[in-house]
PDB file of all heavy atoms in Angstrom:
ATOM      1  N   VAL A   1      75.084  13.352-160.834  1.00  0.00           N
ATOM      2  CA  VAL A   1      73.747  13.853-160.537  1.00  0.00           C
ATOM      3  C   VAL A   1      72.716  12.813-160.947  1.00  0.00           C
ATOM      4  O   VAL A   1      72.636  12.426-162.114  1.00  0.00           O
ATOM      5  CB  VAL A   1      73.468  15.195-161.242  1.00  0.00           C
ATOM      6  CG1 VAL A   1      72.116  15.745-160.795  1.00  0.00           C
ATOM      7  CG2 VAL A   1      74.572  16.208-160.939  1.00  0.00           C
ATOM      8  N   TRP A   2      71.936  12.364-159.971  1.00  0.00           N
ATOM      9  CA  TRP A   2      70.854  11.400-160.170  1.00  0.00           C
ATOM     10  C   TRP A   2      69.554  12.199-160.117  1.00  0.00           C
ATOM     11  O   TRP A   2      69.006  12.471-159.056  1.00  0.00           O
ATOM     12  CB  TRP A   2      70.937  10.344-159.072  1.00  0.00           C
ATOM     13  CG  TRP A   2      69.923   9.249-159.020  1.00  0.00           C
ATOM     14  CD1 TRP A   2      69.237   8.837-157.907  1.00  0.00           C
ATOM     15  CD2 TRP A   2      69.496   8.366-160.069  1.00  0.00           C
ATOM     16  NE1 TRP A   2      68.422   7.769-158.194  1.00  0.00           N
ATOM     17  CE2 TRP A   2      68.559   7.449-159.518  1.00  0.00           C
ATOM     18  CE3 TRP A   2      69.819   8.259-161.424  1.00  0.00           C
ATOM     19  CZ2 TRP A   2      67.941   6.455-160.269  1.00  0.00           C
ATOM     20  CZ3 TRP A   2      69.196   7.261-162.185  1.00  0.00           C
ATOM     21  CH2 TRP A   2      68.281   6.382-161.600  1.00  0.00           C
ATOM     22  N   ASN A   3      69.102  12.624-161.287  1.00  0.00           N
ATOM     23  CA  ASN A   3      67.918  13.479-161.436  1.00  0.00           C
ATOM     24  C   ASN A   3      66.700  12.574-161.557  1.00  0.00           C
ATOM     25  O   ASN A   3      66.524  11.894-162.577  1.00  0.00           O
ATOM     26  CB  ASN A   3      68.091  14.348-162.690  1.00  0.00           C
ATOM     27  CG  ASN A   3      67.015  15.402-162.837  1.00  0.00           C
ATOM     28  OD1 ASN A   3      66.288  15.726-161.891  1.00  0.00           O
ATOM     29  ND2 ASN A   3      66.912  15.960-164.030  1.00  0.00           N
ATOM     30  N   ILE A   4      65.868  12.550-160.521  1.00  0.00           N
ATOM     31  CA  ILE A   4      64.837  11.517-160.452  1.00  0.00           C
ATOM     32  C   ILE A   4      63.474  12.032-160.897  1.00  0.00           C
ATOM     33  O   ILE A   4      63.104  13.179-160.654  1.00  0.00           O
ATOM     34  CB  ILE A   4      64.745  10.906-159.041  1.00  0.00           C
ATOM     35  CG1 ILE A   4      64.284  11.943-158.008  1.00  0.00           C
ATOM     36  CG2 ILE A   4      66.084  10.295-158.638  1.00  0.00           C
ATOM     37  CD1 ILE A   4      63.975  11.342-156.638  1.00  0.00           C
ATOM     38  N   GLU A   5      62.754  11.146-161.562  1.00  0.00           N
ATOM     39  CA  GLU A   5      61.349  11.388-161.874  1.00  0.00           C
ATOM     40  C   GLU A   5      60.502  10.570-160.911  1.00  0.00           C
ATOM     41  O   GLU A   5      60.960   9.546-160.371  1.00  0.00           O
ATOM     42  CB  GLU A   5      61.048  11.020-163.327  1.00  0.00           C
ATOM     43  CG  GLU A   5      59.698  11.511-163.816  1.00  0.00           C
ATOM     44  CD  GLU A   5      59.512  13.005-163.627  1.00  0.00           C
ATOM     45  OE1 GLU A   5      59.105  13.405-162.502  1.00  0.00           O
ATOM     46  OE2 GLU A   5      59.778  13.757-164.572  1.00  0.00           O
ATOM     47  N   TYR A   6      59.282  11.007-160.703  1.00  0.00           N
ATOM     48  CA  TYR A   6      58.395  10.336-159.748  1.00  0.00           C
ATOM     49  C   TYR A   6      56.958  10.733-160.065  1.00  0.00           C
ATOM     50  O   TYR A   6      56.702  11.743-160.732  1.00  0.00           O
ATOM     51  CB  TYR A   6      58.753  10.726-158.305  1.00  0.00           C
ATOM     52  CG  TYR A   6      58.703  12.222-158.045  1.00  0.00           C
ATOM     53  CD1 TYR A   6      57.572  12.827-157.487  1.00  0.00           C
ATOM     54  CD2 TYR A   6      59.781  13.037-158.369  1.00  0.00           C
ATOM     55  CE1 TYR A   6      57.529  14.204-157.260  1.00  0.00           C
ATOM     56  CE2 TYR A   6      59.745  14.412-158.131  1.00  0.00           C
ATOM     57  CZ  TYR A   6      58.618  14.983-157.585  1.00  0.00           C
ATOM     58  OH  TYR A   6      58.577  16.340-157.368  1.00  0.00           O
ATOM     59  N   ARG A   7      56.020   9.927-159.574  1.00  0.00           N
ATOM     60  CA  ARG A   7      54.616  10.235-159.803  1.00  0.00           C
ATOM     61  C   ARG A   7      54.136  11.356-158.891  1.00  0.00           C
ATOM     62  O   ARG A   7      54.548  11.457-157.745  1.00  0.00           O
ATOM     63  CB  ARG A   7      53.776   8.972-159.617  1.00  0.00           C
ATOM     64  CG  ARG A   7      53.905   8.025-160.799  1.00  0.00           C
ATOM     65  CD  ARG A   7      53.239   6.711-160.580  1.00  0.00           C
ATOM     66  NE  ARG A   7      54.056   5.827-159.735  1.00  0.00           N
ATOM     67  CZ  ARG A   7      53.743   4.561-159.475  1.00  0.00           C
ATOM     68  NH1 ARG A   7      52.614   4.037-159.952  1.00  0.00           N
ATOM     69  NH2 ARG A   7      54.536   3.819-158.723  1.00  0.00           N
ATOM     70  N   ARG A   8      53.228  12.186-159.456  1.00  0.00           N
ATOM     71  CA  ARG A   8      52.728  13.363-158.765  1.00  0.00           C
ATOM     72  C   ARG A   8      51.205  13.385-158.850  1.00  0.00           C
ATOM     73  O   ARG A   8      50.602  12.449-159.379  1.00  0.00           O
ATOM     74  CB  ARG A   8      53.344  14.620-159.397  1.00  0.00           C
ATOM     75  CG  ARG A   8      54.868  14.500-159.481  1.00  0.00           C
ATOM     76  CD  ARG A   8      55.520  15.529-160.351  1.00  0.00           C
ATOM     77  NE  ARG A   8      55.207  15.506-161.767  1.00  0.00           N
ATOM     78  CZ  ARG A   8      55.660  14.627-162.647  1.00  0.00           C
ATOM     79  NH1 ARG A   8      56.426  13.611-162.260  1.00  0.00           N
ATOM     80  NH2 ARG A   8      55.345  14.720-163.914  1.00  0.00           N
ATOM     81  N   HIS A   9      50.594  14.429-158.351  1.00  0.00           N
ATOM     82  CA  HIS A   9      49.143  14.543-158.467  1.00  0.00           C
ATOM     83  C   HIS A   9      48.760  14.616-159.944  1.00  0.00           C
ATOM     84  O   HIS A   9      49.292  15.413-160.707  1.00  0.00           O
ATOM     85  CB  HIS A   9      48.644  15.797-157.753  1.00  0.00           C
ATOM     86  CG  HIS A   9      47.188  16.057-157.951  1.00  0.00           C
ATOM     87  ND1 HIS A   9      46.221  15.139-157.611  1.00  0.00           N
ATOM     88  CD2 HIS A   9      46.519  17.125-158.468  1.00  0.00           C
ATOM     89  CE1 HIS A   9      45.031  15.632-157.899  1.00  0.00           C
ATOM     90  NE2 HIS A   9      45.188  16.831-158.423  1.00  0.00           N
ATOM     91  N   GLY A  10      47.858  13.739-160.341  1.00  0.00           N
ATOM     92  CA  GLY A  10      47.407  13.707-161.726  1.00  0.00           C
ATOM     93  C   GLY A  10      47.987  12.561-162.519  1.00  0.00           C
ATOM     94  O   GLY A  10      47.472  12.226-163.591  1.00  0.00           O
ATOM     95  N   ASN A  11      49.065  11.939-162.025  1.00  0.00           N
ATOM     96  CA  ASN A  11      49.624  10.798-162.758  1.00  0.00           C
ATOM     97  C   ASN A  11      50.024   9.662-161.822  1.00  0.00           C
ATOM     98  O   ASN A  11      50.998   8.958-162.064  1.00  0.00           O
ATOM     99  CB  ASN A  11      50.799  11.223-163.644  1.00  0.00           C
ATOM    100  CG  ASN A  11      51.907  11.935-162.877  1.00  0.00           C
ATOM    101  OD1 ASN A  11      52.000  11.821-161.658  1.00  0.00           O
ATOM    102  ND2 ASN A  11      52.740  12.664-163.594  1.00  0.00           N
ATOM    103  N   GLY A  12      49.236   9.490-160.749  1.00  0.00           N
ATOM    104  CA  GLY A  12      49.424   8.329-159.878  1.00  0.00           C
ATOM    105  C   GLY A  12      50.187   8.576-158.601  1.00  0.00           C
ATOM    106  O   GLY A  12      50.530   7.628-157.902  1.00  0.00           O
ATOM    107  N   GLY A  13      50.433   9.852-158.254  1.00  0.00           N
ATOM    108  CA  GLY A  13      51.267  10.141-157.106  1.00  0.00           C
ATOM    109  C   GLY A  13      50.554  10.437-155.810  1.00  0.00           C
ATOM    110  O   GLY A  13      51.164  10.937-154.867  1.00  0.00           O
ATOM    111  N   ASP A  14      49.243  10.118-155.735  1.00  0.00           N
ATOM    112  CA  ASP A  14      48.540  10.377-154.481  1.00  0.00           C
ATOM    113  C   ASP A  14      49.107   9.510-153.370  1.00  0.00           C
ATOM    114  O   ASP A  14      49.661   8.436-153.619  1.00  0.00           O
ATOM    115  CB  ASP A  14      47.042  10.118-154.656  1.00  0.00           C
ATOM    116  CG  ASP A  14      46.414  11.070-155.680  1.00  0.00           C
ATOM    117  OD1 ASP A  14      47.120  11.976-156.169  1.00  0.00           O
ATOM    118  OD2 ASP A  14      45.229  10.887-156.009  1.00  0.00           O
ATOM    119  N   PHE A  15      48.969   9.978-152.134  1.00  0.00           N
ATOM    120  CA  PHE A  15      49.602   9.310-150.999  1.00  0.00           C
ATOM    121  C   PHE A  15      49.262   7.816-150.973  1.00  0.00           C
ATOM    122  O   PHE A  15      48.112   7.439-151.162  1.00  0.00           O
ATOM    123  CB  PHE A  15      49.117   9.952-149.693  1.00  0.00           C
ATOM    124  CG  PHE A  15      49.925   9.517-148.499  1.00  0.00           C
ATOM    125  CD1 PHE A  15      51.054  10.214-148.127  1.00  0.00           C
ATOM    126  CD2 PHE A  15      49.573   8.393-147.775  1.00  0.00           C
ATOM    127  CE1 PHE A  15      51.818   9.804-147.044  1.00  0.00           C
ATOM    128  CE2 PHE A  15      50.332   7.971-146.689  1.00  0.00           C
ATOM    129  CZ  PHE A  15      51.466   8.691-146.330  1.00  0.00           C
ATOM    130  N   PRO A  16      50.278   6.969-150.727  1.00  0.00           N
ATOM    131  CA  PRO A  16      51.675   7.272-150.387  1.00  0.00           C
ATOM    132  C   PRO A  16      52.635   7.200-151.572  1.00  0.00           C
ATOM    133  O   PRO A  16      53.845   7.226-151.376  1.00  0.00           O
ATOM    134  CB  PRO A  16      51.997   6.161-149.396  1.00  0.00           C
ATOM    135  CG  PRO A  16      51.260   4.967-149.944  1.00  0.00           C
ATOM    136  CD  PRO A  16      49.974   5.524-150.512  1.00  0.00           C
ATOM    137  N   GLN A  17      52.088   7.120-152.805  1.00  0.00           N
ATOM    138  CA  GLN A  17      52.926   6.716-153.928  1.00  0.00           C
ATOM    139  C   GLN A  17      54.051   7.693-154.246  1.00  0.00           C
ATOM    140  O   GLN A  17      55.159   7.287-154.604  1.00  0.00           O
ATOM    141  CB  GLN A  17      52.072   6.494-155.172  1.00  0.00           C
ATOM    142  CG  GLN A  17      52.774   5.708-156.263  1.00  0.00           C
ATOM    143  CD  GLN A  17      53.222   4.344-155.783  1.00  0.00           C
ATOM    144  OE1 GLN A  17      52.397   3.521-155.390  1.00  0.00           O
ATOM    145  NE2 GLN A  17      54.526   4.098-155.808  1.00  0.00           N
ATOM    146  N   MET A  18      53.786   8.997-154.142  1.00  0.00           N
ATOM    147  CA  MET A  18      54.850   9.960-154.432  1.00  0.00           C
ATOM    148  C   MET A  18      56.072   9.712-153.553  1.00  0.00           C
ATOM    149  O   MET A  18      57.209   9.669-154.033  1.00  0.00           O
ATOM    150  CB  MET A  18      54.343  11.386-154.231  1.00  0.00           C
ATOM    151  CG  MET A  18      55.396  12.458-154.488  1.00  0.00           C
ATOM    152  SD  MET A  18      54.853  14.129-154.032  1.00  0.00           S
ATOM    153  CE  MET A  18      54.940  14.019-152.232  1.00  0.00           C
ATOM    154  N   PHE A  19      55.835   9.529-152.264  1.00  0.00           N
ATOM    155  CA  PHE A  19      56.933   9.284-151.336  1.00  0.00           C
ATOM    156  C   PHE A  19      57.625   7.954-151.634  1.00  0.00           C
ATOM    157  O   PHE A  19      58.855   7.866-151.592  1.00  0.00           O
ATOM    158  CB  PHE A  19      56.416   9.282-149.894  1.00  0.00           C
ATOM    159  CG  PHE A  19      55.949  10.619-149.415  1.00  0.00           C
ATOM    160  CD1 PHE A  19      54.605  10.963-149.461  1.00  0.00           C
ATOM    161  CD2 PHE A  19      56.854  11.552-148.925  1.00  0.00           C
ATOM    162  CE1 PHE A  19      54.166  12.195-149.014  1.00  0.00           C
ATOM    163  CE2 PHE A  19      56.432  12.790-148.468  1.00  0.00           C
ATOM    164  CZ  PHE A  19      55.080  13.115-148.511  1.00  0.00           C
ATOM    165  N   LEU A  20      56.836   6.932-151.925  1.00  0.00           N
ATOM    166  CA  LEU A  20      57.427   5.627-152.225  1.00  0.00           C
ATOM    167  C   LEU A  20      58.305   5.702-153.467  1.00  0.00           C
ATOM    168  O   LEU A  20      59.383   5.087-153.526  1.00  0.00           O
ATOM    169  CB  LEU A  20      56.328   4.586-152.401  1.00  0.00           C
ATOM    170  CG  LEU A  20      55.467   4.289-151.168  1.00  0.00           C
ATOM    171  CD1 LEU A  20      54.380   3.282-151.508  1.00  0.00           C
ATOM    172  CD2 LEU A  20      56.324   3.787-150.010  1.00  0.00           C
ATOM    173  N   ASP A  21      57.864   6.457-154.468  1.00  0.00           N
ATOM    174  CA  ASP A  21      58.661   6.611-155.685  1.00  0.00           C
ATOM    175  C   ASP A  21      59.984   7.307-155.383  1.00  0.00           C
ATOM    176  O   ASP A  21      61.062   6.855-155.814  1.00  0.00           O
ATOM    177  CB  ASP A  21      57.888   7.427-156.718  1.00  0.00           C
ATOM    178  CG  ASP A  21      56.875   6.609-157.497  1.00  0.00           C
ATOM    179  OD1 ASP A  21      56.670   5.425-157.152  1.00  0.00           O
ATOM    180  OD2 ASP A  21      56.278   7.154-158.441  1.00  0.00           O
ATOM    181  N   VAL A  22      59.920   8.411-154.674  1.00  0.00           N
ATOM    182  CA  VAL A  22      61.132   9.182-154.394  1.00  0.00           C
ATOM    183  C   VAL A  22      62.107   8.359-153.550  1.00  0.00           C
ATOM    184  O   VAL A  22      63.322   8.340-153.806  1.00  0.00           O
ATOM    185  CB  VAL A  22      60.775  10.513-153.712  1.00  0.00           C
ATOM    186  CG1 VAL A  22      62.019  11.240-153.217  1.00  0.00           C
ATOM    187  CG2 VAL A  22      60.003  11.404-154.686  1.00  0.00           C
ATOM    188  N   GLY A  23      61.581   7.665-152.552  1.00  0.00           N
ATOM    189  CA  GLY A  23      62.443   6.814-151.740  1.00  0.00           C
ATOM    190  C   GLY A  23      63.061   5.683-152.545  1.00  0.00           C
ATOM    191  O   GLY A  23      64.263   5.390-152.413  1.00  0.00           O
ATOM    192  N   ALA A  24      62.256   5.043-153.392  1.00  0.00           N
ATOM    193  CA  ALA A  24      62.772   3.942-154.209  1.00  0.00           C
ATOM    194  C   ALA A  24      63.814   4.432-155.202  1.00  0.00           C
ATOM    195  O   ALA A  24      64.811   3.746-155.480  1.00  0.00           O
ATOM    196  CB  ALA A  24      61.624   3.255-154.944  1.00  0.00           C
ATOM    197  N   ALA A  25      63.614   5.623-155.741  1.00  0.00           N
ATOM    198  CA  ALA A  25      64.590   6.183-156.678  1.00  0.00           C
ATOM    199  C   ALA A  25      65.920   6.423-155.981  1.00  0.00           C
ATOM    200  O   ALA A  25      66.990   6.098-156.524  1.00  0.00           O
ATOM    201  CB  ALA A  25      64.053   7.483-157.262  1.00  0.00           C
ATOM    202  N   ALA A  26      65.876   6.990-154.788  1.00  0.00           N
ATOM    203  CA  ALA A  26      67.114   7.216-154.050  1.00  0.00           C
ATOM    204  C   ALA A  26      67.798   5.894-153.725  1.00  0.00           C
ATOM    205  O   ALA A  26      69.017   5.741-153.900  1.00  0.00           O
ATOM    206  CB  ALA A  26      66.820   7.999-152.777  1.00  0.00           C
ATOM    207  N   ASP A  27      67.030   4.915-153.284  1.00  0.00           N
ATOM    208  CA  ASP A  27      67.606   3.627-152.904  1.00  0.00           C
ATOM    209  C   ASP A  27      68.148   2.861-154.106  1.00  0.00           C
ATOM    210  O   ASP A  27      69.008   1.975-153.943  1.00  0.00           O
ATOM    211  CB  ASP A  27      66.570   2.786-152.165  1.00  0.00           C
ATOM    212  CG  ASP A  27      66.200   3.366-150.811  1.00  0.00           C
ATOM    213  OD1 ASP A  27      66.979   4.183-150.279  1.00  0.00           O
ATOM    214  OD2 ASP A  27      65.125   3.013-150.287  1.00  0.00           O
ATOM    215  N   HIS A  28      67.675   3.201-155.292  1.00  0.00           N
ATOM    216  CA  HIS A  28      68.157   2.522-156.498  1.00  0.00           C
ATOM    217  C   HIS A  28      69.632   2.814-156.770  1.00  0.00           C
ATOM    218  O   HIS A  28      70.275   2.084-157.546  1.00  0.00           O
ATOM    219  CB  HIS A  28      67.314   2.914-157.707  1.00  0.00           C
ATOM    220  CG  HIS A  28      67.515   2.037-158.901  1.00  0.00           C
ATOM    221  ND1 HIS A  28      67.039   0.740-158.979  1.00  0.00           N
ATOM    222  CD2 HIS A  28      68.182   2.253-160.073  1.00  0.00           C
ATOM    223  CE1 HIS A  28      67.384   0.212-160.130  1.00  0.00           C
ATOM    224  NE2 HIS A  28      68.072   1.100-160.811  1.00  0.00           N
ATOM    225  N   LEU A  29      70.158   3.828-156.130  1.00  0.00           N
ATOM    226  CA  LEU A  29      71.590   4.110-156.276  1.00  0.00           C
ATOM    227  C   LEU A  29      72.434   2.886-155.937  1.00  0.00           C
ATOM    228  O   LEU A  29      73.502   2.683-156.520  1.00  0.00           O
ATOM    229  CB  LEU A  29      71.993   5.280-155.384  1.00  0.00           C
ATOM    230  CG  LEU A  29      71.561   6.676-155.841  1.00  0.00           C
ATOM    231  CD1 LEU A  29      71.865   7.696-154.761  1.00  0.00           C
ATOM    232  CD2 LEU A  29      72.257   7.053-157.152  1.00  0.00           C
ATOM    233  N   ARG A  30      71.966   2.073-155.002  1.00  0.00           N
ATOM    234  CA  ARG A  30      72.719   0.865-154.642  1.00  0.00           C
ATOM    235  C   ARG A  30      72.862  -0.081-155.835  1.00  0.00           C
ATOM    236  O   ARG A  30      73.860  -0.801-155.945  1.00  0.00           O
ATOM    237  CB  ARG A  30      72.025   0.129-153.492  1.00  0.00           C
ATOM    238  CG  ARG A  30      72.084   0.834-152.154  1.00  0.00           C
ATOM    239  CD  ARG A  30      71.722  -0.159-151.052  1.00  0.00           C
ATOM    240  NE  ARG A  30      71.717   0.466-149.743  1.00  0.00           N
ATOM    241  CZ  ARG A  30      70.619   0.830-149.094  1.00  0.00           C
ATOM    242  NH1 ARG A  30      69.427   0.629-149.633  1.00  0.00           N
ATOM    243  NH2 ARG A  30      70.700   1.380-147.902  1.00  0.00           N
ATOM    244  N   GLN A  31      71.872  -0.076-156.730  1.00  0.00           N
ATOM    245  CA  GLN A  31      71.891  -0.994-157.858  1.00  0.00           C
ATOM    246  C   GLN A  31      72.842  -0.539-158.961  1.00  0.00           C
ATOM    247  O   GLN A  31      73.266  -1.363-159.787  1.00  0.00           O
ATOM    248  CB  GLN A  31      70.472  -1.134-158.439  1.00  0.00           C
ATOM    249  CG  GLN A  31      69.408  -1.512-157.421  1.00  0.00           C
ATOM    250  CD  GLN A  31      69.720  -2.824-156.735  1.00  0.00           C
ATOM    251  OE1 GLN A  31      70.095  -3.796-157.391  1.00  0.00           O
ATOM    252  NE2 GLN A  31      69.544  -2.859-155.419  1.00  0.00           N
ATOM    253  N   ILE A  32      73.170   0.737-158.996  1.00  0.00           N
ATOM    254  CA  ILE A  32      73.983   1.261-160.097  1.00  0.00           C
ATOM    255  C   ILE A  32      75.333   1.799-159.631  1.00  0.00           C
ATOM    256  O   ILE A  32      76.153   2.200-160.459  1.00  0.00           O
ATOM    257  CB  ILE A  32      73.222   2.363-160.859  1.00  0.00           C
ATOM    258  CG1 ILE A  32      72.935   3.579-159.945  1.00  0.00           C
ATOM    259  CG2 ILE A  32      71.918   1.818-161.427  1.00  0.00           C
ATOM    260  CD1 ILE A  32      72.257   4.736-160.661  1.00  0.00           C
ATOM    261  N   ALA A  33      75.578   1.784-158.326  1.00  0.00           N
ATOM    262  CA  ALA A  33      76.777   2.426-157.783  1.00  0.00           C
ATOM    263  C   ALA A  33      78.064   1.795-158.306  1.00  0.00           C
ATOM    264  O   ALA A  33      78.997   2.503-158.711  1.00  0.00           O
ATOM    265  CB  ALA A  33      76.753   2.384-156.258  1.00  0.00           C
ATOM    266  N   ASP A  34      78.137   0.475-158.292  1.00  0.00           N
ATOM    267  CA  ASP A  34      79.371  -0.186-158.729  1.00  0.00           C
ATOM    268  C   ASP A  34      79.648   0.067-160.204  1.00  0.00           C
ATOM    269  O   ASP A  34      80.789   0.374-160.599  1.00  0.00           O
ATOM    270  CB  ASP A  34      79.290  -1.684-158.456  1.00  0.00           C
ATOM    271  CG  ASP A  34      79.393  -2.025-156.978  1.00  0.00           C
ATOM    272  OD1 ASP A  34      79.810  -1.138-156.197  1.00  0.00           O
ATOM    273  OD2 ASP A  34      79.046  -3.157-156.600  1.00  0.00           O
ATOM    274  N   ALA A  35      78.615  -0.063-161.026  1.00  0.00           N
ATOM    275  CA  ALA A  35      78.807   0.091-162.471  1.00  0.00           C
ATOM    276  C   ALA A  35      79.220   1.508-162.847  1.00  0.00           C
ATOM    277  O   ALA A  35      79.959   1.703-163.826  1.00  0.00           O
ATOM    278  CB  ALA A  35      77.526  -0.289-163.211  1.00  0.00           C
ATOM    279  N   GLN A  36      78.768   2.491-162.062  1.00  0.00           N
ATOM    280  CA  GLN A  36      79.032   3.886-162.415  1.00  0.00           C
ATOM    281  C   GLN A  36      80.004   4.584-161.459  1.00  0.00           C
ATOM    282  O   GLN A  36      80.160   5.800-161.513  1.00  0.00           O
ATOM    283  CB  GLN A  36      77.703   4.662-162.464  1.00  0.00           C
ATOM    284  CG  GLN A  36      76.720   4.120-163.476  1.00  0.00           C
ATOM    285  CD  GLN A  36      77.252   4.168-164.905  1.00  0.00           C
ATOM    286  OE1 GLN A  36      78.193   4.907-165.216  1.00  0.00           O
ATOM    287  NE2 GLN A  36      76.667   3.381-165.785  1.00  0.00           N
ATOM    288  N   ASN A  37      80.645   3.792-160.588  1.00  0.00           N
ATOM    289  CA  ASN A  37      81.675   4.334-159.682  1.00  0.00           C
ATOM    290  C   ASN A  37      81.141   5.475-158.819  1.00  0.00           C
ATOM    291  O   ASN A  37      81.752   6.550-158.717  1.00  0.00           O
ATOM    292  CB  ASN A  37      82.890   4.819-160.482  1.00  0.00           C
ATOM    293  CG  ASN A  37      83.646   3.676-161.129  1.00  0.00           C
ATOM    294  OD1 ASN A  37      84.095   2.761-160.453  1.00  0.00           O
ATOM    295  ND2 ASN A  37      83.760   3.736-162.447  1.00  0.00           N
ATOM    296  N   LEU A  38      79.993   5.237-158.195  1.00  0.00           N
ATOM    297  CA  LEU A  38      79.375   6.233-157.321  1.00  0.00           C
ATOM    298  C   LEU A  38      79.807   5.996-155.881  1.00  0.00           C
ATOM    299  O   LEU A  38      79.855   4.855-155.423  1.00  0.00           O
ATOM    300  CB  LEU A  38      77.847   6.160-157.423  1.00  0.00           C
ATOM    301  CG  LEU A  38      77.260   6.246-158.832  1.00  0.00           C
ATOM    302  CD1 LEU A  38      75.746   6.137-158.769  1.00  0.00           C
ATOM    303  CD2 LEU A  38      77.690   7.532-159.526  1.00  0.00           C
ATOM    304  N   ASP A  39      80.076   7.071-155.177  1.00  0.00           N
ATOM    305  CA  ASP A  39      80.481   6.994-153.777  1.00  0.00           C
ATOM    306  C   ASP A  39      79.260   7.216-152.892  1.00  0.00           C
ATOM    307  O   ASP A  39      78.851   8.362-152.660  1.00  0.00           O
ATOM    308  CB  ASP A  39      81.550   8.046-153.482  1.00  0.00           C
ATOM    309  CG  ASP A  39      82.163   7.901-152.092  1.00  0.00           C
ATOM    310  OD1 ASP A  39      81.580   7.167-151.264  1.00  0.00           O
ATOM    311  OD2 ASP A  39      83.201   8.528-151.825  1.00  0.00           O
ATOM    312  N   LEU A  40      78.680   6.142-152.401  1.00  0.00           N
ATOM    313  CA  LEU A  40      77.456   6.248-151.615  1.00  0.00           C
ATOM    314  C   LEU A  40      77.713   6.682-150.180  1.00  0.00           C
ATOM    315  O   LEU A  40      76.764   6.812-149.402  1.00  0.00           O
ATOM    316  CB  LEU A  40      76.682   4.929-151.654  1.00  0.00           C
ATOM    317  CG  LEU A  40      76.194   4.491-153.028  1.00  0.00           C
ATOM    318  CD1 LEU A  40      75.187   3.353-152.912  1.00  0.00           C
ATOM    319  CD2 LEU A  40      75.604   5.660-153.815  1.00  0.00           C
ATOM    320  N   ASP A  41      78.962   6.918-149.833  1.00  0.00           N
ATOM    321  CA  ASP A  41      79.260   7.554-148.553  1.00  0.00           C
ATOM    322  C   ASP A  41      79.216   9.072-148.656  1.00  0.00           C
ATOM    323  O   ASP A  41      79.398   9.767-147.655  1.00  0.00           O
ATOM    324  CB  ASP A  41      80.647   7.131-148.058  1.00  0.00           C
ATOM    325  CG  ASP A  41      80.675   5.679-147.606  1.00  0.00           C
ATOM    326  OD1 ASP A  41      79.645   5.205-147.083  1.00  0.00           O
ATOM    327  OD2 ASP A  41      81.715   5.020-147.793  1.00  0.00           O
ATOM    328  N   LYS A  42      78.986   9.577-149.862  1.00  0.00           N
ATOM    329  CA  LYS A  42      78.963  11.026-150.089  1.00  0.00           C
ATOM    330  C   LYS A  42      77.747  11.397-150.929  1.00  0.00           C
ATOM    331  O   LYS A  42      77.871  11.873-152.059  1.00  0.00           O
ATOM    332  CB  LYS A  42      80.257  11.482-150.765  1.00  0.00           C
ATOM    333  CG  LYS A  42      81.509  11.226-149.934  1.00  0.00           C
ATOM    334  CD  LYS A  42      82.763  11.607-150.677  1.00  0.00           C
ATOM    335  CE  LYS A  42      84.015  11.311-149.845  1.00  0.00           C
ATOM    336  NZ  LYS A  42      85.262  11.606-150.586  1.00  0.00           N
ATOM    337  N   VAL A  43      76.565  11.144-150.353  1.00  0.00           N
ATOM    338  CA  VAL A  43      75.309  11.427-151.039  1.00  0.00           C
ATOM    339  C   VAL A  43      74.678  12.679-150.430  1.00  0.00           C
ATOM    340  O   VAL A  43      74.504  12.776-149.214  1.00  0.00           O
ATOM    341  CB  VAL A  43      74.335  10.246-150.936  1.00  0.00           C
ATOM    342  CG1 VAL A  43      72.983  10.604-151.564  1.00  0.00           C
ATOM    343  CG2 VAL A  43      74.916   9.012-151.605  1.00  0.00           C
TER     344      VAL A  43
END
């Protein structure tokens, strides 16, 4: 489980930042997949 934090209204998450944060967090799985044996074909 990759439980992500992201910016929201009141702490920097006004458009487009909230979406950019969430997308970047999901894409960061590529950086940690090998070290943590994550199957990115089953996300």
